[in-house]
N, C-alpha and C. Protein backbone atom coordinates (compact mmCIF):
# COMPACT_ATOMS: atom_id res chain seq x y z
N MET A 1 0.79 -1.25 -0.19
CA MET A 1 -0.21 -0.07 0.27
C MET A 1 0.48 0.98 0.32
N ASN A 2 0.47 2.41 -0.73
CA ASN A 2 1.18 3.84 -0.76
C ASN A 2 0.26 4.78 -0.62
N ASP A 3 1.29 5.50 0.68
CA ASP A 3 0.57 6.09 1.34
C ASP A 3 0.88 7.60 1.10
N ARG A 4 1.77 7.42 0.32
CA ARG A 4 2.18 8.91 -0.42
C ARG A 4 0.88 9.33 -1.21
N GLY A 5 0.63 9.40 -2.11
CA GLY A 5 -0.37 10.48 -2.71
C GLY A 5 -1.68 11.01 -1.48
N ASP A 6 -1.35 10.85 -0.94
CA ASP A 6 -3.07 10.58 0.43
C ASP A 6 -2.75 10.60 1.07
N PRO A 7 -2.76 11.90 2.26
CA PRO A 7 -2.34 12.16 3.33
C PRO A 7 -3.70 11.46 4.22
N ASP A 8 -4.67 11.86 3.86
CA ASP A 8 -5.64 11.79 5.13
C ASP A 8 -5.67 9.80 5.48
N ARG A 9 -5.12 8.90 3.86
CA ARG A 9 -4.69 7.61 4.29
C ARG A 9 -4.03 7.28 4.98
N ALA A 10 -2.68 8.33 4.89
CA ALA A 10 -1.44 8.00 5.98
C ALA A 10 -1.80 8.15 6.95
N MET A 11 -2.97 9.28 7.50
CA MET A 11 -3.16 9.27 9.42
C MET A 11 -3.73 8.46 9.42
N ALA A 12 -4.56 8.15 9.12
CA ALA A 12 -5.35 6.98 9.06
C ALA A 12 -4.62 5.93 9.89
N ALA A 13 -3.73 5.39 8.78
CA ALA A 13 -2.42 4.39 9.15
C ALA A 13 -1.85 3.92 10.23
N GLN A 14 -1.72 5.38 10.52
CA GLN A 14 -0.58 5.56 12.13
C GLN A 14 -1.58 5.51 12.24
N ALA A 15 -2.93 6.01 12.57
CA ALA A 15 -3.81 5.92 13.87
C ALA A 15 -4.27 4.64 14.08
N ARG A 16 -4.14 4.12 13.67
CA ARG A 16 -4.85 2.60 13.54
C ARG A 16 -3.30 1.34 14.29
N LEU A 17 -2.20 2.73 13.79
CA LEU A 17 -0.71 1.18 14.17
C LEU A 17 -0.49 1.74 15.81
N ALA A 18 -0.92 3.00 15.66
CA ALA A 18 -0.57 3.01 17.86
C ALA A 18 -2.32 2.76 18.94
N ALA A 19 -3.40 2.53 17.90
CA ALA A 19 -4.41 1.78 18.85
C ALA A 19 -3.54 0.44 18.47
N LEU A 20 -2.82 0.03 17.46
CA LEU A 20 -3.01 -1.98 17.91
C LEU A 20 -1.44 -1.90 18.59
N VAL A 21 -0.90 -0.59 18.72
CA VAL A 21 0.11 -0.58 20.14
C VAL A 21 0.01 -0.76 20.82
N MET A 22 -1.65 0.04 21.86
CA MET A 22 -1.30 0.51 22.80
C MET A 22 -2.46 -0.95 22.97
N ALA A 23 -3.34 -1.16 22.42
CA ALA A 23 -4.55 -2.77 22.68
C ALA A 23 -3.46 -4.07 22.69
N GLY A 24 -1.98 -3.74 21.81
CA GLY A 24 -1.15 -5.11 22.20
C GLY A 24 0.34 -5.34 23.86
N ALA A 25 0.10 -3.92 23.77
CA ALA A 25 1.00 -3.65 24.84
C ALA A 25 -0.33 -3.99 25.87
N MET A 26 -0.93 -3.76 26.07
CA MET A 26 -1.84 -3.95 27.29
C MET A 26 -2.59 -5.61 27.29
N LEU A 27 -2.16 -6.41 26.40
CA LEU A 27 -2.26 -7.30 26.44
C LEU A 27 -1.20 -8.31 27.12
N ALA A 28 -0.20 -7.57 25.83
CA ALA A 28 1.46 -8.04 26.80
C ALA A 28 1.55 -8.23 28.44
N TRP A 29 0.78 -7.17 28.54
CA TRP A 29 1.38 -6.27 29.75
C TRP A 29 0.48 -7.07 31.39
N MET A 30 -0.47 -7.39 30.66
CA MET A 30 -1.63 -8.45 30.68
C MET A 30 -0.72 -9.30 31.67
N ALA A 31 -0.70 -10.59 30.38
CA ALA A 31 -0.57 -11.94 30.34
C ALA A 31 0.76 -11.73 30.36
N ALA A 32 2.10 -10.65 30.84
CA ALA A 32 3.39 -10.52 32.23
C ALA A 32 2.67 -10.67 33.19
N GLN A 33 2.01 -10.04 33.69
CA GLN A 33 2.08 -10.30 34.97
C GLN A 33 0.82 -11.21 35.31
N TRP A 34 -0.29 -11.87 34.63
CA TRP A 34 -0.06 -13.17 35.29
C TRP A 34 0.33 -14.20 35.34
N LEU A 35 1.40 -14.47 34.06
CA LEU A 35 2.19 -15.35 33.77
C LEU A 35 3.87 -14.98 34.96
N GLY A 36 3.75 -13.92 35.28
CA GLY A 36 5.00 -13.76 36.16
C GLY A 36 4.00 -14.09 38.00
N GLY A 37 2.97 -13.42 37.69
CA GLY A 37 1.89 -14.26 39.28
C GLY A 37 1.93 -16.41 39.57
N ARG A 38 1.69 -16.34 38.46
CA ARG A 38 2.20 -17.98 38.54
C ARG A 38 2.74 -18.86 38.68
N MET A 39 4.30 -18.19 37.30
CA MET A 39 5.76 -18.88 37.77
C MET A 39 5.83 -17.83 39.30
N GLY A 40 6.17 -16.65 39.55
CA GLY A 40 7.12 -16.94 41.05
C GLY A 40 8.17 -15.95 40.73
N TRP A 41 8.06 -15.07 39.68
CA TRP A 41 9.16 -14.40 38.73
C TRP A 41 9.39 -12.85 40.45
N GLU A 42 10.52 -12.67 40.32
CA GLU A 42 10.79 -11.48 41.18
C GLU A 42 10.07 -10.10 40.07
N PRO A 43 9.82 -9.20 41.41
CA PRO A 43 9.17 -8.19 41.20
C PRO A 43 9.98 -7.28 40.05
N ARG A 44 11.65 -7.46 39.93
CA ARG A 44 12.01 -7.06 39.43
C ARG A 44 12.38 -7.03 37.97
N PHE A 45 11.41 -8.25 37.44
CA PHE A 45 11.89 -8.81 36.02
C PHE A 45 10.29 -9.00 35.51
N VAL A 46 9.80 -8.83 36.37
CA VAL A 46 8.20 -8.15 36.43
C VAL A 46 7.84 -6.52 35.63
N PHE A 47 9.03 -5.95 36.78
CA PHE A 47 8.18 -4.54 36.37
C PHE A 47 9.64 -3.80 34.91
N LEU A 48 10.09 -4.58 34.14
CA LEU A 48 10.92 -4.79 33.24
C LEU A 48 9.69 -4.44 32.13
N PHE A 49 8.46 -5.03 32.76
CA PHE A 49 6.92 -5.43 31.77
C PHE A 49 7.01 -3.82 31.68
N ASP A 50 5.77 -3.67 33.25
CA ASP A 50 5.99 -2.19 33.65
C ASP A 50 7.13 -1.08 32.83
N LEU A 51 8.01 -1.06 32.66
CA LEU A 51 7.96 -0.42 31.67
C LEU A 51 8.10 -0.29 30.30
N ALA A 52 8.44 -1.73 29.87
CA ALA A 52 7.67 -1.62 28.38
C ALA A 52 6.82 -1.28 28.10
N ALA A 53 5.38 -1.19 28.75
CA ALA A 53 4.43 -1.28 28.01
C ALA A 53 4.26 0.49 28.56
N LEU A 54 5.23 0.86 29.16
CA LEU A 54 5.02 2.13 28.94
C LEU A 54 5.96 2.66 28.20
N ALA A 55 6.35 2.89 27.77
CA ALA A 55 7.70 2.63 26.87
C ALA A 55 6.05 3.24 25.28
N ALA A 56 5.90 1.79 24.84
CA ALA A 56 4.90 1.67 24.49
C ALA A 56 3.68 2.49 24.85
N PHE A 57 2.94 2.31 25.73
CA PHE A 57 1.68 3.92 25.47
C PHE A 57 2.38 5.34 25.37
N PHE A 58 3.65 5.75 25.78
CA PHE A 58 3.84 6.81 25.41
C PHE A 58 4.73 7.12 23.53
N TRP A 59 5.26 6.20 23.24
CA TRP A 59 4.59 6.91 21.45
C TRP A 59 3.81 6.13 20.90
N ALA A 60 2.72 5.67 21.18
CA ALA A 60 1.50 5.62 20.78
C ALA A 60 1.16 7.05 20.85
N LEU A 61 0.80 7.19 22.06
CA LEU A 61 0.63 8.60 22.56
C LEU A 61 1.60 9.23 21.76
N VAL A 62 2.42 9.82 21.36
CA VAL A 62 3.71 10.76 20.76
C VAL A 62 2.89 10.04 18.98
N VAL A 63 2.53 9.52 19.14
CA VAL A 63 1.83 9.48 16.70
C VAL A 63 0.43 9.81 17.26
N THR A 64 -0.60 9.40 17.87
CA THR A 64 -1.47 10.21 18.19
C THR A 64 -2.22 11.82 18.19
N TRP A 65 -1.08 12.36 19.57
CA TRP A 65 -0.75 13.44 19.13
C TRP A 65 -0.29 13.80 17.63
N ARG A 66 0.38 14.00 17.13
CA ARG A 66 1.00 13.90 15.72
C ARG A 66 0.00 13.71 15.15
N VAL A 67 -0.90 12.70 15.03
CA VAL A 67 -1.97 12.62 14.32
C VAL A 67 -3.00 14.22 14.39
N TRP A 68 -3.30 13.80 15.34
CA TRP A 68 -4.20 15.23 15.50
C TRP A 68 -3.44 16.58 15.43
N ARG A 69 -2.11 16.76 15.58
CA ARG A 69 -1.80 18.18 15.39
C ARG A 69 -1.83 18.17 13.69
N ARG A 70 -1.91 16.91 12.86
CA ARG A 70 -1.87 17.00 11.19
C ARG A 70 -3.23 17.45 10.46
N ARG A 71 -4.26 16.81 11.94
CA ARG A 71 -5.95 16.72 11.26
C ARG A 71 -6.11 18.14 11.70
N GLN A 72 -5.27 18.49 12.64
CA GLN A 72 -5.71 20.34 13.00
C GLN A 72 -4.93 21.38 11.38
N ASP A 73 -3.61 20.93 11.43
CA ASP A 73 -3.37 21.20 10.15
C ASP A 73 -4.14 22.11 8.81
N ASN A 74 -4.71 20.76 8.74
CA ASN A 74 -6.03 20.21 7.29
C ASN A 74 -6.84 21.52 7.54
């Protein structure tokens, strides 16, 4: 798919990607918390999943903000 010709499609694709990252990060974080509790992982290892989820959410927030700003400029 080539989104160079249509900026609206490119922004929609970026918004979809951000939404998928948010949903995937949440599901992965919940699975890691559950698995860590079942397997008795040390809290410092489970905390790494917290940091990874925060990084994914921050990235998605930045992408969403950029899409919103581009929509405001159009």
